[in-house]
Amino acid sequence: MANLSLLALRKKIPALTEALHGRVTDHHRFMLQRLLGQVENLEKEIASFDTRIAQATRRGVKRATMAVAHTLLCTSWQLLKDGSVYKDPGHDYFQKLHAD
């Protein structure tokens, strides 16, 4: 299976090489900005999970890891079951949810 994917990628090397010598248009900049925005949102999500794990450390790292894994699993299941698109609740969702 891996060999097949490598062969498929090897066929694209000339096109990729040509693309590296091309020009960046306004459309490309627009698309790159959208992609960078998505990366920034994912970084915020990761930071949120890191914060959640750090807060739960007092209860044990294994328990915190399982709690985060449970959250990811439940979210993934709902998305797959409903066929819906993920809507980011915000980087501070857990802080708001468990505010003292």
C-alpha atoms as a PDB file:
ATOM      1  CA  MET A   1       0.000   0.000   0.000  1.00  0.00           C
ATOM      2  CA  ALA A   2       2.805   2.412   0.915  1.00  0.00           C
ATOM      3  CA  ASN A   3       4.629   1.567  -2.303  1.00  0.00           C
ATOM      4  CA  LEU A   4       1.541   2.464  -4.323  1.00  0.00           C
ATOM      5  CA  SER A   5       1.273   5.860  -2.663  1.00  0.00           C
ATOM      6  CA  LEU A   6       4.949   6.528  -3.268  1.00  0.00           C
ATOM      7  CA  LEU A   7       4.519   5.731  -6.947  1.00  0.00           C
ATOM      8  CA  ALA A   8       1.535   8.071  -7.179  1.00  0.00           C
ATOM      9  CA  LEU A   9       3.518  10.859  -5.523  1.00  0.00           C
ATOM     10  CA  ARG A  10       6.539  10.302  -7.756  1.00  0.00           C
ATOM     11  CA  LYS A  11       4.368  10.989 -10.803  1.00  0.00           C
ATOM     12  CA  LYS A  12       3.576  14.438  -9.375  1.00  0.00           C
ATOM     13  CA  ILE A  13       7.197  15.535  -8.860  1.00  0.00           C
ATOM     14  CA  PRO A  14       7.444  17.384 -12.199  1.00  0.00           C
ATOM     15  CA  ALA A  15       4.205  19.284 -11.510  1.00  0.00           C
ATOM     16  CA  LEU A  16       5.375  20.156  -8.002  1.00  0.00           C
ATOM     17  CA  THR A  17       8.731  21.338  -9.308  1.00  0.00           C
ATOM     18  CA  GLU A  18       6.990  23.530 -11.876  1.00  0.00           C
ATOM     19  CA  ALA A  19       4.688  24.927  -9.185  1.00  0.00           C
ATOM     20  CA  LEU A  20       7.689  26.019  -7.116  1.00  0.00           C
ATOM     21  CA  HIS A  21       8.872  28.188 -10.002  1.00  0.00           C
ATOM     22  CA  GLY A  22       5.460  29.816 -10.495  1.00  0.00           C
ATOM     23  CA  ARG A  23       4.101  33.106  -9.235  1.00  0.00           C
ATOM     24  CA  VAL A  24       1.923  33.815  -6.218  1.00  0.00           C
ATOM     25  CA  THR A  25      -1.260  35.581  -7.283  1.00  0.00           C
ATOM     26  CA  ASP A  26      -3.850  37.419  -5.201  1.00  0.00           C
ATOM     27  CA  HIS A  27      -5.949  34.263  -5.181  1.00  0.00           C
ATOM     28  CA  HIS A  28      -3.015  32.262  -3.815  1.00  0.00           C
ATOM     29  CA  ARG A  29      -2.493  34.860  -1.090  1.00  0.00           C
ATOM     30  CA  PHE A  30      -6.178  34.680  -0.206  1.00  0.00           C
ATOM     31  CA  MET A  31      -6.067  30.884   0.032  1.00  0.00           C
ATOM     32  CA  LEU A  32      -2.846  30.968   2.065  1.00  0.00           C
ATOM     33  CA  GLN A  33      -4.428  33.431   4.504  1.00  0.00           C
ATOM     34  CA  ARG A  34      -7.409  31.069   4.943  1.00  0.00           C
ATOM     35  CA  LEU A  35      -5.084  28.131   5.557  1.00  0.00           C
ATOM     36  CA  LEU A  36      -2.977  30.091   8.033  1.00  0.00           C
ATOM     37  CA  GLY A  37      -6.167  31.058   9.849  1.00  0.00           C
ATOM     38  CA  GLN A  38      -7.074  27.396  10.152  1.00  0.00           C
ATOM     39  CA  VAL A  39      -3.602  26.599  11.498  1.00  0.00           C
ATOM     40  CA  GLU A  40      -3.922  29.384  14.080  1.00  0.00           C
ATOM     41  CA  ASN A  41      -7.305  28.029  15.192  1.00  0.00           C
ATOM     42  CA  LEU A  42      -5.861  24.551  15.552  1.00  0.00           C
ATOM     43  CA  GLU A  43      -2.966  25.942  17.586  1.00  0.00           C
ATOM     44  CA  LYS A  44      -5.504  27.594  19.910  1.00  0.00           C
ATOM     45  CA  GLU A  45      -7.340  24.280  20.242  1.00  0.00           C
ATOM     46  CA  ILE A  46      -4.108  22.503  21.131  1.00  0.00           C
ATOM     47  CA  ALA A  47      -3.310  25.202  23.681  1.00  0.00           C
ATOM     48  CA  SER A  48      -6.777  24.746  25.158  1.00  0.00           C
ATOM     49  CA  PHE A  49      -6.217  21.002  25.509  1.00  0.00           C
ATOM     50  CA  ASP A  50      -2.787  21.627  27.008  1.00  0.00           C
ATOM     51  CA  THR A  51      -4.359  23.952  29.579  1.00  0.00           C
ATOM     52  CA  ARG A  52      -7.019  21.372  30.349  1.00  0.00           C
ATOM     53  CA  ILE A  53      -4.391  18.697  30.870  1.00  0.00           C
ATOM     54  CA  ALA A  54      -2.309  20.987  33.076  1.00  0.00           C
ATOM     55  CA  GLN A  55      -5.366  21.825  35.221  1.00  0.00           C
ATOM     56  CA  ALA A  56      -6.263  18.187  35.598  1.00  0.00           C
ATOM     57  CA  THR A  57      -2.707  17.167  36.494  1.00  0.00           C
ATOM     58  CA  ARG A  58      -3.553  17.406  40.164  1.00  0.00           C
ATOM     59  CA  ARG A  59      -5.931  14.477  39.574  1.00  0.00           C
ATOM     60  CA  GLY A  60      -3.334  12.552  37.645  1.00  0.00           C
ATOM     61  CA  VAL A  61      -1.878  12.686  34.181  1.00  0.00           C
ATOM     62  CA  LYS A  62      -3.525   9.437  33.068  1.00  0.00           C
ATOM     63  CA  ARG A  63      -6.950  10.654  34.107  1.00  0.00           C
ATOM     64  CA  ALA A  64      -6.442  13.976  32.321  1.00  0.00           C
ATOM     65  CA  THR A  65      -5.244  12.231  29.183  1.00  0.00           C
ATOM     66  CA  MET A  66      -8.293   9.981  29.205  1.00  0.00           C
ATOM     67  CA  ALA A  67     -10.597  12.973  29.749  1.00  0.00           C
ATOM     68  CA  VAL A  68      -9.181  14.777  26.731  1.00  0.00           C
ATOM     69  CA  ALA A  69      -9.237  11.589  24.667  1.00  0.00           C
ATOM     70  CA  HIS A  70     -12.880  11.087  25.671  1.00  0.00           C
ATOM     71  CA  THR A  71     -13.741  14.628  24.580  1.00  0.00           C
ATOM     72  CA  LEU A  72     -12.016  14.127  21.226  1.00  0.00           C
ATOM     73  CA  LEU A  73     -13.689  10.763  20.716  1.00  0.00           C
ATOM     74  CA  CYS A  74     -17.165  12.077  21.540  1.00  0.00           C
ATOM     75  CA  THR A  75     -16.721  15.074  19.260  1.00  0.00           C
ATOM     76  CA  SER A  76     -15.416  12.906  16.421  1.00  0.00           C
ATOM     77  CA  TRP A  77     -18.269  10.444  16.845  1.00  0.00           C
ATOM     78  CA  GLN A  78     -20.913  13.169  16.681  1.00  0.00           C
ATOM     79  CA  LEU A  79     -19.336  14.695  13.571  1.00  0.00           C
ATOM     80  CA  LEU A  80     -19.152  11.347  11.801  1.00  0.00           C
ATOM     81  CA  LYS A  81     -22.605  10.217  12.912  1.00  0.00           C
ATOM     82  CA  ASP A  82     -24.371  13.431  11.894  1.00  0.00           C
ATOM     83  CA  GLY A  83     -22.175  14.184   8.893  1.00  0.00           C
ATOM     84  CA  SER A  84     -21.838  17.715  10.203  1.00  0.00           C
ATOM     85  CA  VAL A  85     -18.974  20.183  10.090  1.00  0.00           C
ATOM     86  CA  TYR A  86     -17.013  20.952  13.251  1.00  0.00           C
ATOM     87  CA  LYS A  87     -17.835  24.339  14.775  1.00  0.00           C
ATOM     88  CA  ASP A  88     -15.046  25.591  17.011  1.00  0.00           C
ATOM     89  CA  PRO A  89     -16.464  26.483  20.467  1.00  0.00           C
ATOM     90  CA  GLY A  90     -13.502  28.762  21.148  1.00  0.00           C
ATOM     91  CA  HIS A  91     -10.119  28.384  22.756  1.00  0.00           C
ATOM     92  CA  ASP A  92     -11.514  29.144  26.229  1.00  0.00           C
ATOM     93  CA  TYR A  93     -14.461  26.729  26.082  1.00  0.00           C
ATOM     94  CA  PHE A  94     -13.307  24.554  28.978  1.00  0.00           C
ATOM     95  CA  GLN A  95     -12.458  27.559  31.154  1.00  0.00           C
ATOM     96  CA  LYS A  96     -16.008  28.887  30.647  1.00  0.00           C
ATOM     97  CA  LEU A  97     -17.522  25.447  31.123  1.00  0.00           C
ATOM     98  CA  HIS A  98     -15.720  24.815  34.421  1.00  0.00           C
ATOM     99  CA  ALA A  99     -15.568  28.371  35.763  1.00  0.00           C
ATOM    100  CA  ASP A 100     -15.520  28.381  39.562  1.00  0.00           C
END
